[in-house]
Amino acid sequence: MSQDTTSKDYFFAQLATLSDAMIAAHGKDFAMGAMVLAARFIAEGEARELAAAEAAKTPEPSRIIL
């Protein structure tokens, strides 16, 4: 087995353990929803990083004190 395959197997085992814990604590719907949100977070990561970089370039609006 290659080092790459061993590493992937390790992470799949961690995901299985985490999934089992989430199901036990909050049910299957929560666990699936959390995993979908995690996948979305990963998929949108680059877009989010670009948006954050653009936001950092924009000066923060001055605060109005009443």
N, C-alpha and C. Protein backbone atom coordinates (compact mmCIF):
# COMPACT_ATOMS: atom_id res chain seq x y z
N MET A 1 0.84 -1.17 0.00
CA MET A 1 0.00 0.00 0.00
C MET A 1 0.90 1.24 0.00
N SER A 2 0.55 2.21 -0.84
CA SER A 2 1.37 3.41 -0.93
C SER A 2 1.13 4.33 0.26
N GLN A 3 2.04 5.24 0.48
CA GLN A 3 1.90 6.20 1.57
C GLN A 3 0.66 7.07 1.35
N ASP A 4 0.38 7.41 0.09
CA ASP A 4 -0.79 8.22 -0.24
C ASP A 4 -2.07 7.48 0.14
N THR A 5 -2.16 6.20 -0.20
CA THR A 5 -3.33 5.40 0.13
C THR A 5 -3.47 5.26 1.64
N THR A 6 -2.39 5.05 2.35
CA THR A 6 -2.42 4.93 3.80
C THR A 6 -2.94 6.22 4.42
N SER A 7 -2.49 7.35 3.93
CA SER A 7 -2.93 8.65 4.44
C SER A 7 -4.42 8.84 4.20
N LYS A 8 -4.88 8.50 3.01
CA LYS A 8 -6.30 8.64 2.70
C LYS A 8 -7.14 7.73 3.59
N ASP A 9 -6.70 6.49 3.78
CA ASP A 9 -7.42 5.56 4.65
C ASP A 9 -7.53 6.11 6.07
N TYR A 10 -6.46 6.73 6.55
CA TYR A 10 -6.46 7.33 7.88
C TYR A 10 -7.55 8.41 7.98
N PHE A 11 -7.62 9.28 6.98
CA PHE A 11 -8.61 10.35 7.01
C PHE A 11 -10.03 9.80 6.87
N PHE A 12 -10.23 8.75 6.05
CA PHE A 12 -11.55 8.14 5.96
C PHE A 12 -11.97 7.53 7.29
N ALA A 13 -11.03 6.95 7.99
CA ALA A 13 -11.33 6.39 9.31
C ALA A 13 -11.71 7.50 10.29
N GLN A 14 -11.02 8.64 10.21
CA GLN A 14 -11.37 9.78 11.07
C GLN A 14 -12.76 10.29 10.74
N LEU A 15 -13.08 10.38 9.45
CA LEU A 15 -14.42 10.83 9.05
C LEU A 15 -15.49 9.87 9.56
N ALA A 16 -15.22 8.57 9.49
CA ALA A 16 -16.18 7.58 9.99
C ALA A 16 -16.39 7.73 11.48
N THR A 17 -15.33 7.93 12.22
CA THR A 17 -15.42 8.10 13.67
C THR A 17 -16.21 9.37 14.00
N LEU A 18 -15.89 10.46 13.32
CA LEU A 18 -16.60 11.73 13.54
C LEU A 18 -18.07 11.59 13.18
N SER A 19 -18.35 10.95 12.06
CA SER A 19 -19.74 10.75 11.63
C SER A 19 -20.52 9.95 12.67
N ASP A 20 -19.93 8.88 13.16
CA ASP A 20 -20.60 8.06 14.18
C ASP A 20 -20.89 8.89 15.44
N ALA A 21 -19.95 9.73 15.84
CA ALA A 21 -20.14 10.56 17.04
C ALA A 21 -21.26 11.58 16.81
N MET A 22 -21.28 12.20 15.62
CA MET A 22 -22.32 13.18 15.32
C MET A 22 -23.69 12.52 15.26
N ILE A 23 -23.77 11.34 14.67
CA ILE A 23 -25.04 10.61 14.60
C ILE A 23 -25.52 10.25 16.00
N ALA A 24 -24.62 9.78 16.83
CA ALA A 24 -24.99 9.41 18.20
C ALA A 24 -25.49 10.61 18.99
N ALA A 25 -24.88 11.76 18.77
CA ALA A 25 -25.23 12.95 19.54
C ALA A 25 -26.46 13.68 18.99
N HIS A 26 -26.59 13.73 17.65
CA HIS A 26 -27.62 14.59 17.07
C HIS A 26 -28.43 13.96 15.94
N GLY A 27 -28.14 12.74 15.56
CA GLY A 27 -28.91 12.05 14.53
C GLY A 27 -28.30 12.15 13.14
N LYS A 28 -28.84 11.32 12.24
CA LYS A 28 -28.30 11.23 10.88
C LYS A 28 -28.48 12.51 10.09
N ASP A 29 -29.62 13.18 10.25
CA ASP A 29 -29.85 14.40 9.48
C ASP A 29 -28.80 15.46 9.80
N PHE A 30 -28.48 15.61 11.08
CA PHE A 30 -27.46 16.57 11.47
C PHE A 30 -26.11 16.18 10.87
N ALA A 31 -25.75 14.92 10.99
CA ALA A 31 -24.45 14.46 10.49
C ALA A 31 -24.33 14.69 8.99
N MET A 32 -25.38 14.34 8.24
CA MET A 32 -25.35 14.54 6.79
C MET A 32 -25.29 16.02 6.45
N GLY A 33 -26.07 16.83 7.14
CA GLY A 33 -26.06 18.26 6.89
C GLY A 33 -24.70 18.86 7.16
N ALA A 34 -24.08 18.45 8.25
CA ALA A 34 -22.75 18.97 8.59
C ALA A 34 -21.73 18.57 7.53
N MET A 35 -21.81 17.34 7.04
CA MET A 35 -20.87 16.90 6.02
C MET A 35 -21.09 17.65 4.70
N VAL A 36 -22.35 17.91 4.35
CA VAL A 36 -22.64 18.68 3.13
C VAL A 36 -22.10 20.10 3.28
N LEU A 37 -22.30 20.71 4.45
CA LEU A 37 -21.76 22.04 4.67
C LEU A 37 -20.24 22.04 4.61
N ALA A 38 -19.62 21.00 5.12
CA ALA A 38 -18.16 20.90 5.05
C ALA A 38 -17.70 20.78 3.60
N ALA A 39 -18.41 19.99 2.80
CA ALA A 39 -18.07 19.85 1.38
C ALA A 39 -18.23 21.19 0.66
N ARG A 40 -19.29 21.90 0.99
CA ARG A 40 -19.52 23.21 0.38
C ARG A 40 -18.42 24.19 0.78
N PHE A 41 -18.03 24.16 2.03
CA PHE A 41 -16.96 25.01 2.53
C PHE A 41 -15.67 24.75 1.75
N ILE A 42 -15.37 23.49 1.51
CA ILE A 42 -14.17 23.13 0.75
C ILE A 42 -14.32 23.60 -0.70
N ALA A 43 -15.48 23.34 -1.31
CA ALA A 43 -15.69 23.70 -2.72
C ALA A 43 -15.64 25.20 -2.94
N GLU A 44 -16.15 25.96 -1.98
CA GLU A 44 -16.21 27.41 -2.13
C GLU A 44 -14.99 28.11 -1.53
N GLY A 45 -14.05 27.36 -1.03
CA GLY A 45 -12.89 27.94 -0.35
C GLY A 45 -12.16 28.97 -1.17
N GLU A 46 -11.90 28.67 -2.43
CA GLU A 46 -11.15 29.60 -3.26
C GLU A 46 -11.94 30.89 -3.47
N ALA A 47 -13.23 30.77 -3.73
CA ALA A 47 -14.07 31.95 -3.94
C ALA A 47 -14.11 32.79 -2.67
N ARG A 48 -14.19 32.13 -1.52
CA ARG A 48 -14.24 32.84 -0.24
C ARG A 48 -12.92 33.56 0.01
N GLU A 49 -11.81 32.92 -0.31
CA GLU A 49 -10.49 33.54 -0.13
C GLU A 49 -10.34 34.77 -1.03
N LEU A 50 -10.83 34.69 -2.26
CA LEU A 50 -10.76 35.84 -3.16
C LEU A 50 -11.63 36.98 -2.64
N ALA A 51 -12.82 36.66 -2.15
CA ALA A 51 -13.71 37.69 -1.60
C ALA A 51 -13.09 38.34 -0.38
N ALA A 52 -12.46 37.57 0.47
CA ALA A 52 -11.81 38.11 1.66
C ALA A 52 -10.65 39.02 1.27
N ALA A 53 -9.90 38.64 0.25
CA ALA A 53 -8.79 39.47 -0.21
C ALA A 53 -9.30 40.79 -0.77
N GLU A 54 -10.40 40.75 -1.50
CA GLU A 54 -10.99 41.98 -2.03
C GLU A 54 -11.52 42.85 -0.90
N ALA A 55 -12.15 42.24 0.09
CA ALA A 55 -12.68 42.98 1.23
C ALA A 55 -11.55 43.66 1.99
N ALA A 56 -10.41 43.01 2.07
CA ALA A 56 -9.27 43.58 2.78
C ALA A 56 -8.73 44.81 2.06
N LYS A 57 -8.90 44.87 0.74
CA LYS A 57 -8.44 46.01 -0.03
C LYS A 57 -9.36 47.22 0.14
N THR A 58 -10.63 46.97 0.44
CA THR A 58 -11.62 48.03 0.58
C THR A 58 -11.53 48.66 1.93
N PRO A 59 -11.39 49.97 2.00
CA PRO A 59 -11.32 50.60 3.32
C PRO A 59 -12.62 50.42 4.10
N GLU A 60 -12.49 50.25 5.39
CA GLU A 60 -13.66 50.07 6.24
C GLU A 60 -14.42 51.39 6.33
N PRO A 61 -15.75 51.36 6.21
CA PRO A 61 -16.49 52.61 6.32
C PRO A 61 -16.29 53.25 7.69
N SER A 62 -16.26 54.57 7.72
CA SER A 62 -16.08 55.25 9.00
C SER A 62 -17.30 54.99 9.87
N ARG A 63 -17.05 54.91 11.14
CA ARG A 63 -18.15 54.64 12.07
C ARG A 63 -18.77 55.96 12.50
N ILE A 64 -20.09 55.96 12.53
CA ILE A 64 -20.83 57.14 12.95
C ILE A 64 -21.22 56.95 14.41
N ILE A 65 -20.84 57.88 15.23
CA ILE A 65 -21.18 57.82 16.65
C ILE A 65 -22.29 58.82 16.91
N LEU A 66 -23.39 58.33 17.42
CA LEU A 66 -24.54 59.21 17.71
C LEU A 66 -24.52 59.67 19.13
